[in-house]
Amino acid sequence: MARALIHLPPAPKRGEVMEIRTLIAHPMESGFRVDSQGRLRAQDLIRRFTCRFNGELVFSAELFAAIAGNPYIAFHLVAEEGGTLSFSWEGDNGFAQSETITLELA
């Protein structure tokens, strides 16, 4: 399991635009580099990131080989009520990780 970091504002207010930042530890191997024996390294990418708020999709991104290792994704959200934020990363070789955070509004 990869280490995921998720940052929310400390005290978001109802109706206020908030920035949500995520970072996940993942090498994001493009499949174009060679190893010490000159063989191509196997491709290993995170392909899709999604965020759902109370079950509704609020942000998604398709990732490609040009994304650096440990992909950082930031986006904005306006919430009128508290609830649950669910984050999901999916990738090559069966990689899948999910994190859930409760959003409480001030």
Protein backbone atom coordinates (compact mmCIF):
# COMPACT_ATOMS: atom_id res chain seq x y z
CA MET A 1 0.00 0.00 0.00
CA ALA A 2 1.34 3.43 -0.95
CA ARG A 3 1.48 6.30 1.48
CA ALA A 4 -1.12 8.97 0.66
CA LEU A 5 -1.15 12.47 2.13
CA ILE A 6 -4.33 14.55 2.00
CA HIS A 7 -4.51 18.15 3.18
CA LEU A 8 -7.76 20.01 3.88
CA PRO A 9 -8.10 23.53 5.31
CA PRO A 10 -8.14 23.45 9.14
CA ALA A 11 -11.59 25.05 9.56
CA PRO A 12 -13.48 25.30 6.25
CA LYS A 13 -16.67 27.34 6.27
CA ARG A 14 -19.96 26.52 4.61
CA GLY A 15 -20.06 27.86 1.04
CA GLU A 16 -16.36 28.82 1.06
CA VAL A 17 -14.00 27.72 -1.71
CA MET A 18 -11.45 25.34 -0.20
CA GLU A 19 -8.32 23.85 -1.69
CA ILE A 20 -7.82 20.11 -1.31
CA ARG A 21 -4.29 18.79 -1.87
CA THR A 22 -3.27 15.15 -2.31
CA LEU A 23 0.07 13.42 -2.76
CA ILE A 24 0.68 9.70 -3.11
CA ALA A 25 4.00 7.87 -2.96
CA HIS A 26 4.33 6.04 -6.28
CA PRO A 27 7.31 5.77 -8.69
CA MET A 28 5.27 6.43 -11.88
CA GLU A 29 7.60 4.40 -14.12
CA SER A 30 6.92 5.41 -17.75
CA GLY A 31 8.22 2.26 -19.42
CA PHE A 32 10.66 4.32 -21.52
CA ARG A 33 13.68 4.16 -19.18
CA VAL A 34 16.19 1.34 -19.12
CA ASP A 35 17.65 -0.53 -16.15
CA SER A 36 21.36 -1.19 -15.50
CA GLN A 37 21.32 -4.09 -18.00
CA GLY A 38 19.85 -1.93 -20.78
CA ARG A 39 16.36 -3.50 -20.65
CA LEU A 40 13.25 -1.34 -20.61
CA ARG A 41 11.70 -1.04 -17.16
CA ALA A 42 8.11 -2.21 -16.92
CA GLN A 43 5.50 0.53 -17.09
CA ASP A 44 3.94 1.25 -13.68
CA LEU A 45 1.64 4.29 -13.65
CA ILE A 46 -1.29 5.59 -11.66
CA ARG A 47 -3.89 6.00 -14.41
CA ARG A 48 -6.89 7.56 -12.66
CA PHE A 49 -7.61 9.69 -9.61
CA THR A 50 -11.13 10.42 -8.36
CA CYS A 51 -12.66 12.27 -5.44
CA ARG A 52 -16.24 11.83 -4.33
CA PHE A 53 -18.10 13.95 -1.79
CA ASN A 54 -21.00 12.12 -0.14
CA GLY A 55 -20.92 9.67 -3.07
CA GLU A 56 -21.04 12.32 -5.81
CA LEU A 57 -18.05 12.66 -8.13
CA VAL A 58 -16.54 16.13 -7.60
CA PHE A 59 -13.13 15.73 -9.28
CA SER A 60 -11.36 13.21 -11.51
CA ALA A 61 -8.11 13.13 -13.46
CA GLU A 62 -6.56 10.80 -16.02
CA LEU A 63 -2.79 10.53 -15.53
CA PHE A 64 -0.22 9.67 -18.20
CA ALA A 65 3.46 8.77 -18.51
CA ALA A 66 4.57 12.43 -18.39
CA ILE A 67 3.46 12.77 -14.73
CA ALA A 68 6.35 12.74 -12.25
CA GLY A 69 6.76 10.22 -9.48
CA ASN A 70 4.73 10.81 -6.29
CA PRO A 71 1.92 12.66 -8.12
CA TYR A 72 0.60 15.78 -6.41
CA ILE A 73 -2.96 16.81 -7.26
CA ALA A 74 -4.73 19.94 -5.99
CA PHE A 75 -8.29 21.05 -6.71
CA HIS A 76 -11.00 23.27 -5.25
CA LEU A 77 -14.34 22.38 -3.70
CA VAL A 78 -17.28 24.31 -2.30
CA ALA A 79 -19.28 22.44 0.34
CA GLU A 80 -22.63 23.52 1.74
CA GLU A 81 -22.70 20.69 4.29
CA GLY A 82 -20.31 18.34 6.01
CA GLY A 83 -19.81 14.83 4.79
CA THR A 84 -17.37 12.22 3.59
CA LEU A 85 -14.62 12.75 1.03
CA SER A 86 -13.50 9.54 -0.69
CA PHE A 87 -10.28 9.53 -2.69
CA SER A 88 -9.29 6.75 -5.09
CA TRP A 89 -6.14 6.08 -7.10
CA GLU A 90 -6.05 3.29 -9.74
CA GLY A 91 -3.18 2.17 -11.90
CA ASP A 92 -1.15 -0.46 -13.70
CA ASN A 93 -0.40 -3.91 -12.27
CA GLY A 94 -3.62 -3.92 -10.22
CA PHE A 95 -2.66 -0.85 -8.18
CA ALA A 96 -5.62 0.57 -6.27
CA GLN A 97 -5.74 2.69 -3.15
CA SER A 98 -8.57 4.50 -1.41
CA GLU A 99 -8.68 6.94 1.48
CA THR A 100 -11.68 8.47 3.25
CA ILE A 101 -11.83 11.66 5.30
CA THR A 102 -14.73 13.26 7.14
CA LEU A 103 -15.24 16.92 6.26
CA GLU A 104 -16.58 19.04 9.10
CA LEU A 105 -17.57 22.63 8.37
CA ALA A 106 -17.17 25.51 10.81
